[in-house]
Amino acid sequence: MRGHRKHLARKVWSESPKEISFEELAQRAETTVEAVRQYSEMGLLGEEGQVGRFGEGTLFLVRRIEQLRVEYGVPATGAGLVLDLAARVEELEEEIRSLREAMRR
């Protein structure tokens, strides 16, 4: 399901050509470098081309993981599942809208 998570990140925060480091990602997400490294090692940030270099969409993922962890008490290990399920729900909602539009024609 990790592809769904990256789809969600790209949809909400479109990728830009600029890559950011662990340090910048942590700073912009208002968390620690250790947390970002842990999320990366756990595979929560998707599979980026270069280890330690991420696109803008990854910032969205880190912020969502932190929100789930801090505000809702979801452990980091469960955050990936929550994000994957949210992305899948969005995909299904899009498909339903598309089918409804097709039925109206």
PDB file of N, CA and C in Angstrom:
ATOM      1  N   MET A   1       0.801  -1.202   0.000  1.00  0.00           N
ATOM      2  CA  MET A   1       0.000   0.000   0.000  1.00  0.00           C
ATOM      3  C   MET A   1       0.842   1.264   0.000  1.00  0.00           C
ATOM      4  N   ARG A   2       2.135   1.157   0.111  1.00  0.00           N
ATOM      5  CA  ARG A   2       2.981   2.342   0.178  1.00  0.00           C
ATOM      6  C   ARG A   2       2.805   3.257  -1.027  1.00  0.00           C
ATOM      7  N   GLY A   3       2.460   2.688  -2.156  1.00  0.00           N
ATOM      8  CA  GLY A   3       2.211   3.508  -3.336  1.00  0.00           C
ATOM      9  C   GLY A   3       1.049   4.449  -3.132  1.00  0.00           C
ATOM     10  N   HIS A   4       0.058   3.994  -2.379  1.00  0.00           N
ATOM     11  CA  HIS A   4      -1.093   4.849  -2.088  1.00  0.00           C
ATOM     12  C   HIS A   4      -0.656   6.056  -1.274  1.00  0.00           C
ATOM     13  N   ARG A   5       0.228   5.833  -0.320  1.00  0.00           N
ATOM     14  CA  ARG A   5       0.702   6.919   0.532  1.00  0.00           C
ATOM     15  C   ARG A   5       1.433   7.975  -0.300  1.00  0.00           C
ATOM     16  N   LYS A   6       2.293   7.532  -1.196  1.00  0.00           N
ATOM     17  CA  LYS A   6       3.014   8.488  -2.045  1.00  0.00           C
ATOM     18  C   LYS A   6       2.052   9.195  -2.989  1.00  0.00           C
ATOM     19  N   HIS A   7       1.016   8.491  -3.454  1.00  0.00           N
ATOM     20  CA  HIS A   7       0.005   9.117  -4.297  1.00  0.00           C
ATOM     21  C   HIS A   7      -0.663  10.255  -3.533  1.00  0.00           C
ATOM     22  N   LEU A   8      -1.005  10.013  -2.274  1.00  0.00           N
ATOM     23  CA  LEU A   8      -1.631  11.027  -1.432  1.00  0.00           C
ATOM     24  C   LEU A   8      -0.691  12.211  -1.248  1.00  0.00           C
ATOM     25  N   ALA A   9       0.564  11.941  -0.967  1.00  0.00           N
ATOM     26  CA  ALA A   9       1.527  13.021  -0.758  1.00  0.00           C
ATOM     27  C   ALA A   9       1.678  13.859  -2.014  1.00  0.00           C
ATOM     28  N   ARG A  10       1.743  13.213  -3.164  1.00  0.00           N
ATOM     29  CA  ARG A  10       1.897  13.954  -4.411  1.00  0.00           C
ATOM     30  C   ARG A  10       0.650  14.760  -4.738  1.00  0.00           C
ATOM     31  N   LYS A  11      -0.503  14.210  -4.420  1.00  0.00           N
ATOM     32  CA  LYS A  11      -1.753  14.895  -4.715  1.00  0.00           C
ATOM     33  C   LYS A  11      -1.899  16.143  -3.850  1.00  0.00           C
ATOM     34  N   VAL A  12      -1.608  16.013  -2.559  1.00  0.00           N
ATOM     35  CA  VAL A  12      -1.798  17.117  -1.642  1.00  0.00           C
ATOM     36  C   VAL A  12      -0.682  18.143  -1.761  1.00  0.00           C
ATOM     37  N   TRP A  13       0.529  17.688  -1.987  1.00  0.00           N
ATOM     38  CA  TRP A  13       1.678  18.588  -2.051  1.00  0.00           C
ATOM     39  C   TRP A  13       2.505  18.146  -3.245  1.00  0.00           C
ATOM     40  N   SER A  14       2.264  18.754  -4.375  1.00  0.00           N
ATOM     41  CA  SER A  14       2.917  18.282  -5.600  1.00  0.00           C
ATOM     42  C   SER A  14       4.433  18.365  -5.480  1.00  0.00           C
ATOM     43  N   GLU A  15       5.055  17.369  -6.045  1.00  0.00           N
ATOM     44  CA  GLU A  15       6.512  17.285  -5.992  1.00  0.00           C
ATOM     45  C   GLU A  15       7.137  18.443  -6.757  1.00  0.00           C
ATOM     46  N   SER A  16       8.214  18.952  -6.226  1.00  0.00           N
ATOM     47  CA  SER A  16       8.970  19.973  -6.926  1.00  0.00           C
ATOM     48  C   SER A  16      10.346  19.407  -7.220  1.00  0.00           C
ATOM     49  N   PRO A  17      11.055  19.993  -8.188  1.00  0.00           N
ATOM     50  CA  PRO A  17      12.378  19.470  -8.515  1.00  0.00           C
ATOM     51  C   PRO A  17      13.378  19.595  -7.368  1.00  0.00           C
ATOM     52  N   LYS A  18      13.122  20.506  -6.421  1.00  0.00           N
ATOM     53  CA  LYS A  18      14.047  20.724  -5.315  1.00  0.00           C
ATOM     54  C   LYS A  18      13.998  19.550  -4.348  1.00  0.00           C
ATOM     55  N   GLU A  19      15.148  19.088  -3.944  1.00  0.00           N
ATOM     56  CA  GLU A  19      15.235  18.033  -2.944  1.00  0.00           C
ATOM     57  C   GLU A  19      15.672  18.654  -1.631  1.00  0.00           C
ATOM     58  N   ILE A  20      15.195  18.082  -0.526  1.00  0.00           N
ATOM     59  CA  ILE A  20      15.571  18.593   0.783  1.00  0.00           C
ATOM     60  C   ILE A  20      16.200  17.473   1.606  1.00  0.00           C
ATOM     61  N   SER A  21      17.060  17.838   2.525  1.00  0.00           N
ATOM     62  CA  SER A  21      17.806  16.877   3.348  1.00  0.00           C
ATOM     63  C   SER A  21      17.005  16.482   4.590  1.00  0.00           C
ATOM     64  N   PHE A  22      17.513  15.492   5.327  1.00  0.00           N
ATOM     65  CA  PHE A  22      16.908  15.102   6.596  1.00  0.00           C
ATOM     66  C   PHE A  22      16.769  16.316   7.511  1.00  0.00           C
ATOM     67  N   GLU A  23      17.837  17.089   7.598  1.00  0.00           N
ATOM     68  CA  GLU A  23      17.866  18.227   8.507  1.00  0.00           C
ATOM     69  C   GLU A  23      16.805  19.265   8.139  1.00  0.00           C
ATOM     70  N   GLU A  24      16.739  19.624   6.858  1.00  0.00           N
ATOM     71  CA  GLU A  24      15.760  20.620   6.422  1.00  0.00           C
ATOM     72  C   GLU A  24      14.342  20.071   6.566  1.00  0.00           C
ATOM     73  N   LEU A  25      14.165  18.806   6.241  1.00  0.00           N
ATOM     74  CA  LEU A  25      12.854  18.173   6.366  1.00  0.00           C
ATOM     75  C   LEU A  25      12.395  18.207   7.823  1.00  0.00           C
ATOM     76  N   ALA A  26      13.272  17.858   8.741  1.00  0.00           N
ATOM     77  CA  ALA A  26      12.939  17.881  10.171  1.00  0.00           C
ATOM     78  C   ALA A  26      12.597  19.287  10.632  1.00  0.00           C
ATOM     79  N   GLN A  27      13.388  20.247  10.201  1.00  0.00           N
ATOM     80  CA  GLN A  27      13.158  21.628  10.603  1.00  0.00           C
ATOM     81  C   GLN A  27      11.809  22.127  10.081  1.00  0.00           C
ATOM     82  N   ARG A  28      11.523  21.880   8.815  1.00  0.00           N
ATOM     83  CA  ARG A  28      10.278  22.354   8.222  1.00  0.00           C
ATOM     84  C   ARG A  28       9.051  21.624   8.768  1.00  0.00           C
ATOM     85  N   ALA A  29       9.227  20.380   9.214  1.00  0.00           N
ATOM     86  CA  ALA A  29       8.126  19.606   9.784  1.00  0.00           C
ATOM     87  C   ALA A  29       8.016  19.809  11.302  1.00  0.00           C
ATOM     88  N   GLU A  30       8.936  20.598  11.847  1.00  0.00           N
ATOM     89  CA  GLU A  30       8.976  20.894  13.276  1.00  0.00           C
ATOM     90  C   GLU A  30       9.097  19.626  14.117  1.00  0.00           C
ATOM     91  N   THR A  31      10.055  18.794  13.722  1.00  0.00           N
ATOM     92  CA  THR A  31      10.357  17.577  14.470  1.00  0.00           C
ATOM     93  C   THR A  31      11.869  17.405  14.515  1.00  0.00           C
ATOM     94  N   THR A  32      12.316  16.264  14.965  1.00  0.00           N
ATOM     95  CA  THR A  32      13.749  16.030  15.083  1.00  0.00           C
ATOM     96  C   THR A  32      14.287  15.260  13.875  1.00  0.00           C
ATOM     97  N   VAL A  33      15.575  15.400  13.659  1.00  0.00           N
ATOM     98  CA  VAL A  33      16.238  14.660  12.590  1.00  0.00           C
ATOM     99  C   VAL A  33      16.135  13.167  12.882  1.00  0.00           C
ATOM    100  N   GLU A  34      16.244  12.797  14.156  1.00  0.00           N
ATOM    101  CA  GLU A  34      16.146  11.394  14.537  1.00  0.00           C
ATOM    102  C   GLU A  34      14.790  10.813  14.155  1.00  0.00           C
ATOM    103  N   ALA A  35      13.721  11.595  14.342  1.00  0.00           N
ATOM    104  CA  ALA A  35      12.381  11.119  13.979  1.00  0.00           C
ATOM    105  C   ALA A  35      12.280  10.905  12.477  1.00  0.00           C
ATOM    106  N   VAL A  36      12.799  11.840  11.702  1.00  0.00           N
ATOM    107  CA  VAL A  36      12.748  11.721  10.238  1.00  0.00           C
ATOM    108  C   VAL A  36      13.554  10.509   9.784  1.00  0.00           C
ATOM    109  N   ARG A  37      14.724  10.307  10.371  1.00  0.00           N
ATOM    110  CA  ARG A  37      15.538   9.130  10.030  1.00  0.00           C
ATOM    111  C   ARG A  37      14.788   7.839  10.373  1.00  0.00           C
ATOM    112  N   GLN A  38      14.146   7.814  11.535  1.00  0.00           N
ATOM    113  CA  GLN A  38      13.384   6.638  11.947  1.00  0.00           C
ATOM    114  C   GLN A  38      12.249   6.374  10.957  1.00  0.00           C
ATOM    115  N   TYR A  39      11.502   7.403  10.576  1.00  0.00           N
ATOM    116  CA  TYR A  39      10.400   7.233   9.634  1.00  0.00           C
ATOM    117  C   TYR A  39      10.916   6.720   8.290  1.00  0.00           C
ATOM    118  N   SER A  40      12.062   7.229   7.885  1.00  0.00           N
ATOM    119  CA  SER A  40      12.657   6.798   6.625  1.00  0.00           C
ATOM    120  C   SER A  40      13.072   5.331   6.702  1.00  0.00           C
ATOM    121  N   GLU A  41      13.741   4.962   7.798  1.00  0.00           N
ATOM    122  CA  GLU A  41      14.194   3.576   7.975  1.00  0.00           C
ATOM    123  C   GLU A  41      13.019   2.606   8.063  1.00  0.00           C
ATOM    124  N   MET A  42      11.889   3.076   8.596  1.00  0.00           N
ATOM    125  CA  MET A  42      10.690   2.240   8.719  1.00  0.00           C
ATOM    126  C   MET A  42       9.945   2.131   7.389  1.00  0.00           C
ATOM    127  N   GLY A  43      10.366   2.921   6.401  1.00  0.00           N
ATOM    128  CA  GLY A  43       9.705   2.889   5.104  1.00  0.00           C
ATOM    129  C   GLY A  43       8.449   3.744   5.034  1.00  0.00           C
ATOM    130  N   LEU A  44       8.251   4.616   6.019  1.00  0.00           N
ATOM    131  CA  LEU A  44       7.056   5.457   6.057  1.00  0.00           C
ATOM    132  C   LEU A  44       7.092   6.601   5.050  1.00  0.00           C
ATOM    133  N   LEU A  45       8.265   6.928   4.563  1.00  0.00           N
ATOM    134  CA  LEU A  45       8.394   8.070   3.655  1.00  0.00           C
ATOM    135  C   LEU A  45       8.469   7.652   2.202  1.00  0.00           C
ATOM    136  N   GLY A  46       8.149   6.405   1.945  1.00  0.00           N
ATOM    137  CA  GLY A  46       8.200   5.920   0.571  1.00  0.00           C
ATOM    138  C   GLY A  46       9.619   5.609   0.170  1.00  0.00           C
ATOM    139  N   GLU A  47       9.776   5.327  -1.083  1.00  0.00           N
ATOM    140  CA  GLU A  47      11.089   4.954  -1.588  1.00  0.00           C
ATOM    141  C   GLU A  47      11.600   6.068  -2.480  1.00  0.00           C
ATOM    142  N   GLU A  48      12.443   6.889  -1.920  1.00  0.00           N
ATOM    143  CA  GLU A  48      13.037   7.992  -2.672  1.00  0.00           C
ATOM    144  C   GLU A  48      14.310   7.492  -3.340  1.00  0.00           C
ATOM    145  N   GLY A  49      14.706   8.165  -4.389  1.00  0.00           N
ATOM    146  CA  GLY A  49      15.875   7.745  -5.142  1.00  0.00           C
ATOM    147  C   GLY A  49      17.162   7.784  -4.361  1.00  0.00           C
ATOM    148  N   GLN A  50      17.386   8.850  -3.628  1.00  0.00           N
ATOM    149  CA  GLN A  50      18.649   9.023  -2.931  1.00  0.00           C
ATOM    150  C   GLN A  50      18.383   9.045  -1.433  1.00  0.00           C
ATOM    151  N   VAL A  51      19.037   8.189  -0.687  1.00  0.00           N
ATOM    152  CA  VAL A  51      18.818   8.113   0.756  1.00  0.00           C
ATOM    153  C   VAL A  51      19.160   9.452   1.393  1.00  0.00           C
ATOM    154  N   GLY A  52      18.253   9.941   2.203  1.00  0.00           N
ATOM    155  CA  GLY A  52      18.495  11.198   2.908  1.00  0.00           C
ATOM    156  C   GLY A  52      18.125  12.429   2.105  1.00  0.00           C
ATOM    157  N   ARG A  53      17.606  12.269   0.902  1.00  0.00           N
ATOM    158  CA  ARG A  53      17.185  13.410   0.080  1.00  0.00           C
ATOM    159  C   ARG A  53      15.738  13.177  -0.307  1.00  0.00           C
ATOM    160  N   PHE A  54      14.889  14.147  -0.027  1.00  0.00           N
ATOM    161  CA  PHE A  54      13.469  13.959  -0.235  1.00  0.00           C
ATOM    162  C   PHE A  54      12.869  15.117  -1.006  1.00  0.00           C
ATOM    163  N   GLY A  55      11.749  14.849  -1.668  1.00  0.00           N
ATOM    164  CA  GLY A  55      11.015  15.890  -2.360  1.00  0.00           C
ATOM    165  C   GLY A  55      10.039  16.565  -1.417  1.00  0.00           C
ATOM    166  N   GLU A  56       9.383  17.594  -1.890  1.00  0.00           N
ATOM    167  CA  GLU A  56       8.445  18.363  -1.085  1.00  0.00           C
ATOM    168  C   GLU A  56       7.277  17.509  -0.586  1.00  0.00           C
ATOM    169  N   GLY A  57       6.851  16.516  -1.349  1.00  0.00           N
ATOM    170  CA  GLY A  57       5.731  15.674  -0.928  1.00  0.00           C
ATOM    171  C   GLY A  57       6.022  14.934   0.367  1.00  0.00           C
ATOM    172  N   THR A  58       7.285  14.652   0.619  1.00  0.00           N
ATOM    173  CA  THR A  58       7.659  13.942   1.833  1.00  0.00           C
ATOM    174  C   THR A  58       7.400  14.794   3.063  1.00  0.00           C
ATOM    175  N   LEU A  59       7.492  16.116   2.917  1.00  0.00           N
ATOM    176  CA  LEU A  59       7.210  17.020   4.032  1.00  0.00           C
ATOM    177  C   LEU A  59       5.772  16.815   4.510  1.00  0.00           C
ATOM    178  N   PHE A  60       4.851  16.664   3.574  1.00  0.00           N
ATOM    179  CA  PHE A  60       3.462  16.403   3.929  1.00  0.00           C
ATOM    180  C   PHE A  60       3.363  15.123   4.760  1.00  0.00           C
ATOM    181  N   LEU A  61       4.037  14.073   4.318  1.00  0.00           N
ATOM    182  CA  LEU A  61       3.986  12.797   5.041  1.00  0.00           C
ATOM    183  C   LEU A  61       4.530  12.923   6.463  1.00  0.00           C
ATOM    184  N   VAL A  62       5.657  13.591   6.619  1.00  0.00           N
ATOM    185  CA  VAL A  62       6.244  13.749   7.953  1.00  0.00           C
ATOM    186  C   VAL A  62       5.297  14.532   8.854  1.00  0.00           C
ATOM    187  N   ARG A  63       4.710  15.595   8.319  1.00  0.00           N
ATOM    188  CA  ARG A  63       3.767  16.387   9.128  1.00  0.00           C
ATOM    189  C   ARG A  63       2.551  15.559   9.535  1.00  0.00           C
ATOM    190  N   ARG A  64       2.052  14.748   8.631  1.00  0.00           N
ATOM    191  CA  ARG A  64       0.894  13.896   8.952  1.00  0.00           C
ATOM    192  C   ARG A  64       1.266  12.832   9.981  1.00  0.00           C
ATOM    193  N   ILE A  65       2.444  12.235   9.855  1.00  0.00           N
ATOM    194  CA  ILE A  65       2.898  11.239  10.824  1.00  0.00           C
ATOM    195  C   ILE A  65       3.013  11.881  12.202  1.00  0.00           C
ATOM    196  N   GLU A  66       3.606  13.055  12.254  1.00  0.00           N
ATOM    197  CA  GLU A  66       3.750  13.772  13.520  1.00  0.00           C
ATOM    198  C   GLU A  66       2.381  14.122  14.101  1.00  0.00           C
ATOM    199  N   GLN A  67       1.452  14.554  13.264  1.00  0.00           N
ATOM    200  CA  GLN A  67       0.110  14.873  13.741  1.00  0.00           C
ATOM    201  C   GLN A  67      -0.563  13.632  14.324  1.00  0.00           C
ATOM    202  N   LEU A  68      -0.481  12.523  13.618  1.00  0.00           N
ATOM    203  CA  LEU A  68      -1.070  11.278  14.105  1.00  0.00           C
ATOM    204  C   LEU A  68      -0.433  10.845  15.419  1.00  0.00           C
ATOM    205  N   ARG A  69       0.869  10.998  15.502  1.00  0.00           N
ATOM    206  CA  ARG A  69       1.602  10.568  16.688  1.00  0.00           C
ATOM    207  C   ARG A  69       1.300  11.461  17.889  1.00  0.00           C
ATOM    208  N   VAL A  70       1.397  12.772  17.709  1.00  0.00           N
ATOM    209  CA  VAL A  70       1.260  13.714  18.820  1.00  0.00           C
ATOM    210  C   VAL A  70      -0.202  13.939  19.213  1.00  0.00           C
ATOM    211  N   GLU A  71      -1.040  14.249  18.236  1.00  0.00           N
ATOM    212  CA  GLU A  71      -2.422  14.615  18.540  1.00  0.00           C
ATOM    213  C   GLU A  71      -3.326  13.426  18.825  1.00  0.00           C
ATOM    214  N   TYR A  72      -3.049  12.296  18.173  1.00  0.00           N
ATOM    215  CA  TYR A  72      -3.957  11.161  18.289  1.00  0.00           C
ATOM    216  C   TYR A  72      -3.336   9.934  18.955  1.00  0.00           C
ATOM    217  N   GLY A  73      -2.072  10.011  19.321  1.00  0.00           N
ATOM    218  CA  GLY A  73      -1.431   8.907  20.023  1.00  0.00           C
ATOM    219  C   GLY A  73      -1.163   7.676  19.173  1.00  0.00           C
ATOM    220  N   VAL A  74      -1.156   7.848  17.856  1.00  0.00           N
ATOM    221  CA  VAL A  74      -0.890   6.715  16.958  1.00  0.00           C
ATOM    222  C   VAL A  74       0.622   6.500  16.909  1.00  0.00           C
ATOM    223  N   PRO A  75       1.083   5.289  17.216  1.00  0.00           N
ATOM    224  CA  PRO A  75       2.531   5.058  17.126  1.00  0.00           C
ATOM    225  C   PRO A  75       3.002   5.161  15.676  1.00  0.00           C
ATOM    226  N   ALA A  76       4.251   5.480  15.503  1.00  0.00           N
ATOM    227  CA  ALA A  76       4.802   5.639  14.153  1.00  0.00           C
ATOM    228  C   ALA A  76       4.568   4.397  13.307  1.00  0.00           C
ATOM    229  N   THR A  77       4.625   3.229  13.932  1.00  0.00           N
ATOM    230  CA  THR A  77       4.419   1.993  13.175  1.00  0.00           C
ATOM    231  C   THR A  77       3.002   1.904  12.616  1.00  0.00           C
ATOM    232  N   GLY A  78       2.032   2.500  13.295  1.00  0.00           N
ATOM    233  CA  GLY A  78       0.648   2.492  12.819  1.00  0.00           C
ATOM    234  C   GLY A  78       0.324   3.641  11.887  1.00  0.00           C
ATOM    235  N   ALA A  79       1.155   4.679  11.890  1.00  0.00           N
ATOM    236  CA  ALA A  79       0.893   5.850  11.064  1.00  0.00           C
ATOM    237  C   ALA A  79       0.903   5.516   9.579  1.00  0.00           C
ATOM    238  N   GLY A  80       1.786   4.638   9.174  1.00  0.00           N
ATOM    239  CA  GLY A  80       1.837   4.241   7.764  1.00  0.00           C
ATOM    240  C   GLY A  80       0.536   3.605   7.317  1.00  0.00           C
ATOM    241  N   LEU A  81      -0.015   2.753   8.152  1.00  0.00           N
ATOM    242  CA  LEU A  81      -1.278   2.108   7.835  1.00  0.00           C
ATOM    243  C   LEU A  81      -2.404   3.134   7.743  1.00  0.00           C
ATOM    244  N   VAL A  82      -2.451   4.065   8.689  1.00  0.00           N
ATOM    245  CA  VAL A  82      -3.478   5.103   8.673  1.00  0.00           C
ATOM    246  C   VAL A  82      -3.365   5.944   7.404  1.00  0.00           C
ATOM    247  N   LEU A  83      -2.150   6.320   7.045  1.00  0.00           N
ATOM    248  CA  LEU A  83      -1.948   7.123   5.833  1.00  0.00           C
ATOM    249  C   LEU A  83      -2.320   6.344   4.578  1.00  0.00           C
ATOM    250  N   ASP A  84      -1.972   5.072   4.544  1.00  0.00           N
ATOM    251  CA  ASP A  84      -2.328   4.240   3.392  1.00  0.00           C
ATOM    252  C   ASP A  84      -3.835   4.110   3.252  1.00  0.00           C
ATOM    253  N   LEU A  85      -4.507   3.904   4.367  1.00  0.00           N
ATOM    254  CA  LEU A  85      -5.965   3.787   4.327  1.00  0.00           C
ATOM    255  C   LEU A  85      -6.621   5.097   3.901  1.00  0.00           C
ATOM    256  N   ALA A  86      -6.108   6.224   4.388  1.00  0.00           N
ATOM    257  CA  ALA A  86      -6.644   7.529   3.990  1.00  0.00           C
ATOM    258  C   ALA A  86      -6.462   7.755   2.486  1.00  0.00           C
ATOM    259  N   ALA A  87      -5.301   7.362   1.973  1.00  0.00           N
ATOM    260  CA  ALA A  87      -5.052   7.515   0.534  1.00  0.00           C
ATOM    261  C   ALA A  87      -5.986   6.624  -0.271  1.00  0.00           C
ATOM    262  N   ARG A  88      -6.208   5.420   0.214  1.00  0.00           N
ATOM    263  CA  ARG A  88      -7.102   4.490  -0.494  1.00  0.00           C
ATOM    264  C   ARG A  88      -8.539   4.999  -0.483  1.00  0.00           C
ATOM    265  N   VAL A  89      -8.982   5.556   0.627  1.00  0.00           N
ATOM    266  CA  VAL A  89     -10.326   6.138   0.707  1.00  0.00           C
ATOM    267  C   VAL A  89     -10.469   7.266  -0.314  1.00  0.00           C
ATOM    268  N   GLU A  90      -9.446   8.112  -0.417  1.00  0.00           N
ATOM    269  CA  GLU A  90      -9.494   9.200  -1.405  1.00  0.00           C
ATOM    270  C   GLU A  90      -9.571   8.655  -2.823  1.00  0.00           C
ATOM    271  N   GLU A  91      -8.806   7.606  -3.109  1.00  0.00           N
ATOM    272  CA  GLU A  91      -8.862   7.000  -4.445  1.00  0.00           C
ATOM    273  C   GLU A  91     -10.257   6.464  -4.740  1.00  0.00           C
ATOM    274  N   LEU A  92     -10.856   5.801  -3.760  1.00  0.00           N
ATOM    275  CA  LEU A  92     -12.203   5.251  -3.951  1.00  0.00           C
ATOM    276  C   LEU A  92     -13.241   6.359  -4.109  1.00  0.00           C
ATOM    277  N   GLU A  93     -13.090   7.430  -3.369  1.00  0.00           N
ATOM    278  CA  GLU A  93     -14.008   8.565  -3.514  1.00  0.00           C
ATOM    279  C   GLU A  93     -13.907   9.173  -4.912  1.00  0.00           C
ATOM    280  N   GLU A  94     -12.688   9.274  -5.422  1.00  0.00           N
ATOM    281  CA  GLU A  94     -12.492   9.772  -6.787  1.00  0.00           C
ATOM    282  C   GLU A  94     -13.159   8.852  -7.802  1.00  0.00           C
ATOM    283  N   GLU A  95     -13.003   7.552  -7.597  1.00  0.00           N
ATOM    284  CA  GLU A  95     -13.607   6.576  -8.504  1.00  0.00           C
ATOM    285  C   GLU A  95     -15.134   6.671  -8.463  1.00  0.00           C
ATOM    286  N   ILE A  96     -15.706   6.832  -7.284  1.00  0.00           N
ATOM    287  CA  ILE A  96     -17.157   6.983  -7.148  1.00  0.00           C
ATOM    288  C   ILE A  96     -17.638   8.227  -7.873  1.00  0.00           C
ATOM    289  N   ARG A  97     -16.937   9.340  -7.700  1.00  0.00           N
ATOM    290  CA  ARG A  97     -17.308  10.585  -8.400  1.00  0.00           C
ATOM    291  C   ARG A  97     -17.273  10.385  -9.907  1.00  0.00           C
ATOM    292  N   SER A  98     -16.244   9.713 -10.366  1.00  0.00           N
ATOM    293  CA  SER A  98     -16.088   9.459 -11.793  1.00  0.00           C
ATOM    294  C   SER A  98     -17.228   8.591 -12.322  1.00  0.00           C
ATOM    295  N   LEU A  99     -17.567   7.555 -11.573  1.00  0.00           N
ATOM    296  CA  LEU A  99     -18.668   6.675 -11.990  1.00  0.00           C
ATOM    297  C   LEU A  99     -20.011   7.402 -11.984  1.00  0.00           C
ATOM    298  N   ARG A 100     -20.224   8.253 -10.994  1.00  0.00           N
ATOM    299  CA  ARG A 100     -21.467   9.036 -10.947  1.00  0.00           C
ATOM    300  C   ARG A 100     -21.580   9.971 -12.134  1.00  0.00           C
ATOM    301  N   GLU A 101     -20.464  10.603 -12.485  1.00  0.00           N
ATOM    302  CA  GLU A 101     -20.466  11.491 -13.651  1.00  0.00           C
ATOM    303  C   GLU A 101     -20.758  10.708 -14.930  1.00  0.00           C
ATOM    304  N   ALA A 102     -20.178   9.533 -15.047  1.00  0.00           N
ATOM    305  CA  ALA A 102     -20.408   8.696 -16.231  1.00  0.00           C
ATOM    306  C   ALA A 102     -21.853   8.253 -16.330  1.00  0.00           C
ATOM    307  N   MET A 103     -22.501   7.999 -15.199  1.00  0.00           N
ATOM    308  CA  MET A 103     -23.885   7.581 -15.190  1.00  0.00           C
ATOM    309  C   MET A 103     -24.834   8.711 -15.615  1.00  0.00           C
ATOM    310  N   ARG A 104     -24.450   9.944 -15.341  1.00  0.00           N
ATOM    311  CA  ARG A 104     -25.274  11.114 -15.691  1.00  0.00           C
ATOM    312  C   ARG A 104     -25.287  11.385 -17.192  1.00  0.00           C
ATOM    313  N   ARG A 105     -24.280  10.911 -17.882  1.00  0.00           N
ATOM    314  CA  ARG A 105     -24.173  11.189 -19.326  1.00  0.00           C
ATOM    315  C   ARG A 105     -25.075  10.350 -20.136  1.00  0.00           C
TER     316      ARG A 105
END
